[in-house]
Amino acid sequence: MICHIEEQQLRGVNIICDFDGTIALEDVTDSLLERFAHPSWVHIEEQWLAGKFGSRECMARQISLIEANCRELDRYLDTVEIDSAFPSFVEACERSGNIALNVVSDGIDYAVKRVLANHALARLRVQANALIALPGHRYRLEFPHAAADCGIQAGTCKCAIARSDFRASPRPPTTILIGDGTSDFCVSSRADFVFAKDRLLAHCQANAIPHLPFDSFSDIEHELAQVVRGSHRSTRSVHHPMETPSDA
């Protein structure tokens, strides 16, 4: 269990945790679009999947199609369920005193924070795209965590966030990624280890990225101690500093 890991082994452990489909049991951004956006958001999604533009432009276009007041948004967000084992995982990380747990999402900050607050987790650090309310119950996105050199043109560049945390630490941290989707692909190759499911799991398998599959955060809590000790990192014998997307 996490709380049994020795302090020296845990020094500098940095966890980057996705939200949609990972902490939340559904893709909250897609659910908001399905409920409140003009149906043309699906065509924008298809264009993004075809590689015509990056996820930042995709999200900006889609969010501009939402028309709903805050009460309507909240009414839906207050129904969103999270992995029932996630609060216990958070508490275990906090007890360790040596694990930095960061919720990093290419989704919407308002949605992520509202859902976490509903589950008594408002204290968690969240980095995501900023939702800005406009007149007429419309919205736009701002991208405080974008990076000009992001290879996938994401709204929230997870590689840049991981790189920043790496440089801010006096010792190179062990970087662990928890995720499920395409927004996690790039940073997965730069992390020391990945807990993966769904599309991210297939990506890790296809690219020989050190990983373990998970269904719930209870699986991660059970395995994290051994991962930090290095028992699951035998395929990567040398620690590689976090690269920029242009280095890859």
C-alpha atoms as a PDB file:
ATOM      1  CA  MET A   1       0.000   0.000   0.000  1.00  0.00           C
ATOM      2  CA  ILE A   2       1.145   3.573  -0.600  1.00  0.00           C
ATOM      3  CA  CYS A   3       1.423   4.463   3.078  1.00  0.00           C
ATOM      4  CA  HIS A   4       4.015   1.692   3.584  1.00  0.00           C
ATOM      5  CA  ILE A   5       6.520   3.014   1.047  1.00  0.00           C
ATOM      6  CA  GLU A   6       9.683   4.218   2.711  1.00  0.00           C
ATOM      7  CA  GLU A   7      10.187   7.997   2.740  1.00  0.00           C
ATOM      8  CA  GLN A   8      13.456   7.844   0.823  1.00  0.00           C
ATOM      9  CA  GLN A   9      11.854   5.793  -1.934  1.00  0.00           C
ATOM     10  CA  LEU A  10       8.977   8.235  -2.291  1.00  0.00           C
ATOM     11  CA  ARG A  11      11.021  11.422  -2.533  1.00  0.00           C
ATOM     12  CA  GLY A  12      10.045  13.360  -5.635  1.00  0.00           C
ATOM     13  CA  VAL A  13       7.165  11.178  -6.867  1.00  0.00           C
ATOM     14  CA  ASN A  14       5.034  13.218  -9.267  1.00  0.00           C
ATOM     15  CA  ILE A  15       1.681  11.774 -10.400  1.00  0.00           C
ATOM     16  CA  ILE A  16      -0.061  13.251 -13.440  1.00  0.00           C
ATOM     17  CA  CYS A  17      -3.651  12.029 -13.384  1.00  0.00           C
ATOM     18  CA  ASP A  18      -6.168  12.450 -16.196  1.00  0.00           C
ATOM     19  CA  PHE A  19      -9.797  13.261 -15.365  1.00  0.00           C
ATOM     20  CA  ASP A  20     -12.300  12.373 -18.118  1.00  0.00           C
ATOM     21  CA  GLY A  21     -12.785   8.604 -18.170  1.00  0.00           C
ATOM     22  CA  THR A  22     -10.100   8.164 -15.511  1.00  0.00           C
ATOM     23  CA  ILE A  23     -11.297   9.858 -12.316  1.00  0.00           C
ATOM     24  CA  ALA A  24     -14.760  10.520 -13.735  1.00  0.00           C
ATOM     25  CA  LEU A  25     -16.513   7.416 -15.012  1.00  0.00           C
ATOM     26  CA  GLU A  26     -17.488   9.169 -18.237  1.00  0.00           C
ATOM     27  CA  ASP A  27     -16.034  11.725 -20.623  1.00  0.00           C
ATOM     28  CA  VAL A  28     -17.557  14.816 -19.029  1.00  0.00           C
ATOM     29  CA  THR A  29     -16.627  17.122 -21.905  1.00  0.00           C
ATOM     30  CA  ASP A  30     -18.373  14.910 -24.465  1.00  0.00           C
ATOM     31  CA  SER A  31     -21.398  14.611 -22.189  1.00  0.00           C
ATOM     32  CA  LEU A  32     -21.654  18.415 -21.925  1.00  0.00           C
ATOM     33  CA  LEU A  33     -21.465  18.697 -25.708  1.00  0.00           C
ATOM     34  CA  GLU A  34     -24.089  16.012 -26.231  1.00  0.00           C
ATOM     35  CA  ARG A  35     -26.486  17.790 -23.891  1.00  0.00           C
ATOM     36  CA  PHE A  36     -25.910  21.463 -24.614  1.00  0.00           C
ATOM     37  CA  ALA A  37     -24.030  22.009 -27.903  1.00  0.00           C
ATOM     38  CA  HIS A  38     -25.288  22.369 -31.453  1.00  0.00           C
ATOM     39  CA  PRO A  39     -25.073  18.928 -33.180  1.00  0.00           C
ATOM     40  CA  SER A  40     -22.325  20.222 -35.485  1.00  0.00           C
ATOM     41  CA  TRP A  41     -19.865  19.542 -32.650  1.00  0.00           C
ATOM     42  CA  VAL A  42     -19.745  15.960 -33.947  1.00  0.00           C
ATOM     43  CA  HIS A  43     -18.492  17.135 -37.353  1.00  0.00           C
ATOM     44  CA  ILE A  44     -15.745  19.114 -35.623  1.00  0.00           C
ATOM     45  CA  GLU A  45     -14.794  15.967 -33.727  1.00  0.00           C
ATOM     46  CA  GLU A  46     -14.554  14.033 -36.984  1.00  0.00           C
ATOM     47  CA  GLN A  47     -12.293  16.684 -38.486  1.00  0.00           C
ATOM     48  CA  TRP A  48     -10.017  16.527 -35.431  1.00  0.00           C
ATOM     49  CA  LEU A  49      -9.869  12.730 -35.603  1.00  0.00           C
ATOM     50  CA  ALA A  50      -8.920  13.063 -39.281  1.00  0.00           C
ATOM     51  CA  GLY A  51      -5.954  15.209 -38.253  1.00  0.00           C
ATOM     52  CA  LYS A  52      -7.141  18.485 -39.779  1.00  0.00           C
ATOM     53  CA  PHE A  53      -6.312  20.430 -36.600  1.00  0.00           C
ATOM     54  CA  GLY A  54      -5.202  19.871 -33.018  1.00  0.00           C
ATOM     55  CA  SER A  55      -7.280  19.266 -29.931  1.00  0.00           C
ATOM     56  CA  ARG A  56      -6.961  22.905 -28.802  1.00  0.00           C
ATOM     57  CA  GLU A  57      -8.751  24.195 -31.913  1.00  0.00           C
ATOM     58  CA  CYS A  58     -11.229  21.327 -31.721  1.00  0.00           C
ATOM     59  CA  MET A  59     -12.167  22.148 -28.137  1.00  0.00           C
ATOM     60  CA  ALA A  60     -12.396  25.893 -28.804  1.00  0.00           C
ATOM     61  CA  ARG A  61     -14.797  25.353 -31.704  1.00  0.00           C
ATOM     62  CA  GLN A  62     -16.916  22.838 -29.832  1.00  0.00           C
ATOM     63  CA  ILE A  63     -17.273  24.826 -26.614  1.00  0.00           C
ATOM     64  CA  SER A  64     -18.399  27.870 -28.617  1.00  0.00           C
ATOM     65  CA  LEU A  65     -21.410  25.771 -29.679  1.00  0.00           C
ATOM     66  CA  ILE A  66     -22.671  25.269 -26.113  1.00  0.00           C
ATOM     67  CA  GLU A  67     -25.756  27.235 -25.108  1.00  0.00           C
ATOM     68  CA  ALA A  68     -26.829  26.731 -21.499  1.00  0.00           C
ATOM     69  CA  ASN A  69     -26.915  28.707 -18.284  1.00  0.00           C
ATOM     70  CA  CYS A  70     -24.726  27.799 -15.320  1.00  0.00           C
ATOM     71  CA  ARG A  71     -27.595  26.159 -13.466  1.00  0.00           C
ATOM     72  CA  GLU A  72     -28.145  23.790 -16.378  1.00  0.00           C
ATOM     73  CA  LEU A  73     -24.445  22.934 -16.512  1.00  0.00           C
ATOM     74  CA  ASP A  74     -24.346  22.349 -12.762  1.00  0.00           C
ATOM     75  CA  ARG A  75     -27.476  20.201 -12.835  1.00  0.00           C
ATOM     76  CA  TYR A  76     -25.665  17.778 -15.115  1.00  0.00           C
ATOM     77  CA  LEU A  77     -22.246  18.043 -13.439  1.00  0.00           C
ATOM     78  CA  ASP A  78     -23.806  17.209 -10.074  1.00  0.00           C
ATOM     79  CA  THR A  79     -24.819  13.799 -11.464  1.00  0.00           C
ATOM     80  CA  VAL A  80     -21.295  12.816 -12.566  1.00  0.00           C
ATOM     81  CA  GLU A  81     -19.885   9.827 -10.705  1.00  0.00           C
ATOM     82  CA  ILE A  82     -16.217   9.243 -10.031  1.00  0.00           C
ATOM     83  CA  ASP A  83     -14.239   6.073  -9.410  1.00  0.00           C
ATOM     84  CA  SER A  84     -15.353   5.092  -5.903  1.00  0.00           C
ATOM     85  CA  ALA A  85     -11.751   4.223  -4.953  1.00  0.00           C
ATOM     86  CA  PHE A  86     -10.329   7.610  -5.946  1.00  0.00           C
ATOM     87  CA  PRO A  87     -10.929   9.401  -2.591  1.00  0.00           C
ATOM     88  CA  SER A  88      -9.082   6.609  -0.773  1.00  0.00           C
ATOM     89  CA  PHE A  89      -6.226   6.879  -3.284  1.00  0.00           C
ATOM     90  CA  VAL A  90      -6.021  10.643  -2.682  1.00  0.00           C
ATOM     91  CA  GLU A  91      -5.888  10.156   1.072  1.00  0.00           C
ATOM     92  CA  ALA A  92      -3.145   7.548   0.738  1.00  0.00           C
ATOM     93  CA  CYS A  93      -1.056   9.925  -1.385  1.00  0.00           C
ATOM     94  CA  GLU A  94      -1.544  12.668   1.197  1.00  0.00           C
ATOM     95  CA  ARG A  95      -0.553  10.388   4.085  1.00  0.00           C
ATOM     96  CA  SER A  96       2.681   9.506   2.330  1.00  0.00           C
ATOM     97  CA  GLY A  97       3.813  13.117   2.481  1.00  0.00           C
ATOM     98  CA  ASN A  98       6.001  12.544  -0.565  1.00  0.00           C
ATOM     99  CA  ILE A  99       3.635  12.169  -3.510  1.00  0.00           C
ATOM    100  CA  ALA A 100       2.508  15.173  -5.553  1.00  0.00           C
ATOM    101  CA  LEU A 101      -0.864  14.293  -7.103  1.00  0.00           C
ATOM    102  CA  ASN A 102      -1.877  16.591  -9.961  1.00  0.00           C
ATOM    103  CA  VAL A 103      -5.161  16.386 -11.872  1.00  0.00           C
ATOM    104  CA  VAL A 104      -4.205  17.414 -15.418  1.00  0.00           C
ATOM    105  CA  SER A 105      -6.938  17.469 -18.048  1.00  0.00           C
ATOM    106  CA  ASP A 106      -7.426  18.621 -21.621  1.00  0.00           C
ATOM    107  CA  GLY A 107     -11.031  19.133 -20.587  1.00  0.00           C
ATOM    108  CA  ILE A 108     -12.819  22.017 -18.847  1.00  0.00           C
ATOM    109  CA  ASP A 109     -11.568  23.367 -15.520  1.00  0.00           C
ATOM    110  CA  TYR A 110     -15.044  24.396 -14.317  1.00  0.00           C
ATOM    111  CA  ALA A 111     -16.369  20.885 -14.860  1.00  0.00           C
ATOM    112  CA  VAL A 112     -13.394  19.144 -13.263  1.00  0.00           C
ATOM    113  CA  LYS A 113     -13.463  21.386 -10.178  1.00  0.00           C
ATOM    114  CA  ARG A 114     -17.251  21.155  -9.774  1.00  0.00           C
ATOM    115  CA  VAL A 115     -17.206  17.348  -9.879  1.00  0.00           C
ATOM    116  CA  LEU A 116     -14.243  17.067  -7.502  1.00  0.00           C
ATOM    117  CA  ALA A 117     -15.861  19.515  -5.072  1.00  0.00           C
ATOM    118  CA  ASN A 118     -19.013  17.402  -5.077  1.00  0.00           C
ATOM    119  CA  HIS A 119     -16.892  14.554  -3.747  1.00  0.00           C
ATOM    120  CA  ALA A 120     -15.058  16.603  -1.082  1.00  0.00           C
ATOM    121  CA  LEU A 121     -11.916  16.841  -3.235  1.00  0.00           C
ATOM    122  CA  ALA A 122     -11.838  20.569  -3.976  1.00  0.00           C
ATOM    123  CA  ARG A 123      -8.359  20.736  -2.402  1.00  0.00           C
ATOM    124  CA  LEU A 124      -6.737  18.922  -5.333  1.00  0.00           C
ATOM    125  CA  ARG A 125      -4.539  20.841  -7.754  1.00  0.00           C
ATOM    126  CA  VAL A 126      -6.278  21.044 -11.143  1.00  0.00           C
ATOM    127  CA  GLN A 127      -4.749  22.149 -14.444  1.00  0.00           C
ATOM    128  CA  ALA A 128      -7.178  22.278 -17.359  1.00  0.00           C
ATOM    129  CA  ASN A 129      -8.658  24.578 -19.997  1.00  0.00           C
ATOM    130  CA  ALA A 130     -10.426  27.640 -18.583  1.00  0.00           C
ATOM    131  CA  LEU A 131     -14.147  28.075 -19.281  1.00  0.00           C
ATOM    132  CA  ILE A 132     -15.163  31.717 -19.791  1.00  0.00           C
ATOM    133  CA  ALA A 133     -18.859  32.667 -19.636  1.00  0.00           C
ATOM    134  CA  LEU A 134     -20.153  35.040 -22.322  1.00  0.00           C
ATOM    135  CA  PRO A 135     -23.464  36.915 -22.685  1.00  0.00           C
ATOM    136  CA  GLY A 136     -26.402  34.857 -23.905  1.00  0.00           C
ATOM    137  CA  HIS A 137     -25.409  31.690 -22.031  1.00  0.00           C
ATOM    138  CA  ARG A 138     -22.513  31.061 -24.400  1.00  0.00           C
ATOM    139  CA  TYR A 139     -18.909  30.169 -23.592  1.00  0.00           C
ATOM    140  CA  ARG A 140     -15.358  30.217 -24.841  1.00  0.00           C
ATOM    141  CA  LEU A 141     -12.171  28.484 -23.734  1.00  0.00           C
ATOM    142  CA  GLU A 142      -8.841  29.936 -22.736  1.00  0.00           C
ATOM    143  CA  PHE A 143      -5.709  27.795 -22.621  1.00  0.00           C
ATOM    144  CA  PRO A 144      -3.420  28.755 -19.724  1.00  0.00           C
ATOM    145  CA  HIS A 145      -1.539  25.462 -19.976  1.00  0.00           C
ATOM    146  CA  ALA A 146      -0.960  25.356 -23.735  1.00  0.00           C
ATOM    147  CA  ALA A 147       2.558  25.152 -25.207  1.00  0.00           C
ATOM    148  CA  ALA A 148       3.661  26.537 -28.564  1.00  0.00           C
ATOM    149  CA  ASP A 149       5.775  23.451 -29.246  1.00  0.00           C
ATOM    150  CA  CYS A 150       3.091  20.913 -28.257  1.00  0.00           C
ATOM    151  CA  GLY A 151       3.223  18.092 -30.779  1.00  0.00           C
ATOM    152  CA  ILE A 152      -0.519  17.413 -30.640  1.00  0.00           C
ATOM    153  CA  GLN A 153      -1.536  21.087 -30.290  1.00  0.00           C
ATOM    154  CA  ALA A 154      -3.382  20.312 -27.078  1.00  0.00           C
ATOM    155  CA  GLY A 155      -5.194  22.895 -25.019  1.00  0.00           C
ATOM    156  CA  THR A 156      -3.468  21.532 -21.944  1.00  0.00           C
ATOM    157  CA  CYS A 157       0.009  20.257 -22.833  1.00  0.00           C
ATOM    158  CA  LYS A 158       0.649  17.472 -20.340  1.00  0.00           C
ATOM    159  CA  CYS A 159       4.259  17.150 -21.493  1.00  0.00           C
ATOM    160  CA  ALA A 160       4.926  20.817 -20.713  1.00  0.00           C
ATOM    161  CA  ILE A 161       3.343  20.467 -17.266  1.00  0.00           C
ATOM    162  CA  ALA A 162       5.407  17.382 -16.502  1.00  0.00           C
ATOM    163  CA  ARG A 163       8.539  19.117 -17.773  1.00  0.00           C
ATOM    164  CA  SER A 164       7.859  22.138 -15.547  1.00  0.00           C
ATOM    165  CA  ASP A 165       7.401  19.957 -12.468  1.00  0.00           C
ATOM    166  CA  PHE A 166      10.611  18.114 -13.356  1.00  0.00           C
ATOM    167  CA  ARG A 167      12.650  21.323 -13.522  1.00  0.00           C
ATOM    168  CA  ALA A 168      11.113  22.755 -10.344  1.00  0.00           C
ATOM    169  CA  SER A 169      12.255  19.804  -8.222  1.00  0.00           C
ATOM    170  CA  PRO A 170      15.719  19.800  -6.604  1.00  0.00           C
ATOM    171  CA  ARG A 171      15.930  16.096  -7.436  1.00  0.00           C
ATOM    172  CA  PRO A 172      14.654  14.399 -10.612  1.00  0.00           C
ATOM    173  CA  PRO A 173      11.213  13.096  -9.619  1.00  0.00           C
ATOM    174  CA  THR A 174       9.726   9.770 -10.554  1.00  0.00           C
ATOM    175  CA  THR A 175       6.927  10.718 -12.965  1.00  0.00           C
ATOM    176  CA  ILE A 176       3.894   8.444 -13.029  1.00  0.00           C
ATOM    177  CA  LEU A 177       0.995   8.925 -15.450  1.00  0.00           C
ATOM    178  CA  ILE A 178      -2.559   7.689 -14.866  1.00  0.00           C
ATOM    179  CA  GLY A 179      -4.828   7.938 -17.881  1.00  0.00           C
ATOM    180  CA  ASP A 180      -7.058   6.439 -20.527  1.00  0.00           C
ATOM    181  CA  GLY A 181      -7.080   8.421 -23.771  1.00  0.00           C
ATOM    182  CA  THR A 182      -5.330  10.137 -26.652  1.00  0.00           C
ATOM    183  CA  SER A 183      -4.474  13.277 -24.654  1.00  0.00           C
ATOM    184  CA  ASP A 184      -2.166  11.036 -22.603  1.00  0.00           C
ATOM    185  CA  PHE A 185      -0.265   9.493 -25.534  1.00  0.00           C
ATOM    186  CA  CYS A 186       2.527  12.045 -25.795  1.00  0.00           C
ATOM    187  CA  VAL A 187       3.394  12.292 -22.111  1.00  0.00           C
ATOM    188  CA  SER A 188       3.166   8.511 -21.662  1.00  0.00           C
ATOM    189  CA  SER A 189       6.460   8.042 -23.520  1.00  0.00           C
ATOM    190  CA  ARG A 190       8.140  10.571 -21.218  1.00  0.00           C
ATOM    191  CA  ALA A 191       6.862   9.231 -17.894  1.00  0.00           C
ATOM    192  CA  ASP A 192       8.769   6.662 -15.850  1.00  0.00           C
ATOM    193  CA  PHE A 193       5.681   4.494 -15.620  1.00  0.00           C
ATOM    194  CA  VAL A 194       2.041   4.500 -16.744  1.00  0.00           C
ATOM    195  CA  PHE A 195      -1.166   3.120 -15.269  1.00  0.00           C
ATOM    196  CA  ALA A 196      -3.391   2.784 -18.331  1.00  0.00           C
ATOM    197  CA  LYS A 197      -6.776   1.676 -19.591  1.00  0.00           C
ATOM    198  CA  ASP A 198      -8.782   1.870 -22.807  1.00  0.00           C
ATOM    199  CA  ARG A 199      -7.012   3.671 -25.698  1.00  0.00           C
ATOM    200  CA  LEU A 200      -3.964   4.558 -23.610  1.00  0.00           C
ATOM    201  CA  LEU A 201      -3.515   0.911 -22.670  1.00  0.00           C
ATOM    202  CA  ALA A 202      -3.466  -0.108 -26.340  1.00  0.00           C
ATOM    203  CA  HIS A 203      -0.991   2.705 -27.068  1.00  0.00           C
ATOM    204  CA  CYS A 204       1.360   1.568 -24.282  1.00  0.00           C
ATOM    205  CA  GLN A 205       1.178  -2.036 -25.458  1.00  0.00           C
ATOM    206  CA  ALA A 206       1.895  -1.086 -29.069  1.00  0.00           C
ATOM    207  CA  ASN A 207       4.842   1.145 -28.155  1.00  0.00           C
ATOM    208  CA  ALA A 208       6.476  -0.951 -25.404  1.00  0.00           C
ATOM    209  CA  ILE A 209       5.886   1.745 -22.763  1.00  0.00           C
ATOM    210  CA  PRO A 210       6.307   0.445 -19.186  1.00  0.00           C
ATOM    211  CA  HIS A 211       2.793   0.194 -17.811  1.00  0.00           C
ATOM    212  CA  LEU A 212       0.165  -1.722 -15.894  1.00  0.00           C
ATOM    213  CA  PRO A 213      -3.527  -1.912 -16.783  1.00  0.00           C
ATOM    214  CA  PHE A 214      -6.081  -0.809 -14.207  1.00  0.00           C
ATOM    215  CA  ASP A 215      -9.817  -0.882 -13.794  1.00  0.00           C
ATOM    216  CA  SER A 216     -10.055   1.165 -10.607  1.00  0.00           C
ATOM    217  CA  PHE A 217      -7.852   3.334  -8.391  1.00  0.00           C
ATOM    218  CA  SER A 218      -7.807   0.494  -5.879  1.00  0.00           C
ATOM    219  CA  ASP A 219      -5.676  -1.416  -8.419  1.00  0.00           C
ATOM    220  CA  ILE A 220      -3.263   1.525  -8.622  1.00  0.00           C
ATOM    221  CA  GLU A 221      -3.060   1.950  -4.854  1.00  0.00           C
ATOM    222  CA  HIS A 222      -2.207  -1.729  -4.519  1.00  0.00           C
ATOM    223  CA  GLU A 223       0.576  -1.630  -7.126  1.00  0.00           C
ATOM    224  CA  LEU A 224       2.079   1.848  -6.699  1.00  0.00           C
ATOM    225  CA  ALA A 225       4.556   0.932  -3.966  1.00  0.00           C
ATOM    226  CA  GLN A 226       6.269  -1.666  -6.152  1.00  0.00           C
ATOM    227  CA  VAL A 227       6.205   0.646  -9.160  1.00  0.00           C
ATOM    228  CA  VAL A 228       7.991   3.382  -7.222  1.00  0.00           C
ATOM    229  CA  ARG A 229      10.579   0.890  -6.006  1.00  0.00           C
ATOM    230  CA  GLY A 230      11.255   0.041  -9.632  1.00  0.00           C
ATOM    231  CA  SER A 231      10.159  -3.582  -9.762  1.00  0.00           C
ATOM    232  CA  HIS A 232       8.004  -2.864 -12.844  1.00  0.00           C
ATOM    233  CA  ARG A 233      10.533  -0.638 -14.647  1.00  0.00           C
ATOM    234  CA  SER A 234      13.040  -3.243 -15.778  1.00  0.00           C
ATOM    235  CA  THR A 235      12.496  -2.348 -19.445  1.00  0.00           C
ATOM    236  CA  ARG A 236      13.848   1.167 -18.842  1.00  0.00           C
ATOM    237  CA  SER A 237      17.315   0.918 -17.324  1.00  0.00           C
ATOM    238  CA  VAL A 238      18.253   4.584 -17.687  1.00  0.00           C
ATOM    239  CA  HIS A 239      16.237   7.553 -16.438  1.00  0.00           C
ATOM    240  CA  HIS A 240      15.559   9.852 -19.365  1.00  0.00           C
ATOM    241  CA  PRO A 241      15.002  13.558 -18.603  1.00  0.00           C
ATOM    242  CA  MET A 242      11.690  14.987 -19.708  1.00  0.00           C
ATOM    243  CA  GLU A 243      12.063  16.043 -23.335  1.00  0.00           C
ATOM    244  CA  THR A 244      10.254  18.785 -25.163  1.00  0.00           C
ATOM    245  CA  PRO A 245       7.780  17.635 -27.831  1.00  0.00           C
ATOM    246  CA  SER A 246      10.182  18.865 -30.496  1.00  0.00           C
ATOM    247  CA  ASP A 247      12.909  16.592 -29.072  1.00  0.00           C
ATOM    248  CA  ALA A 248      10.857  13.464 -29.682  1.00  0.00           C
END
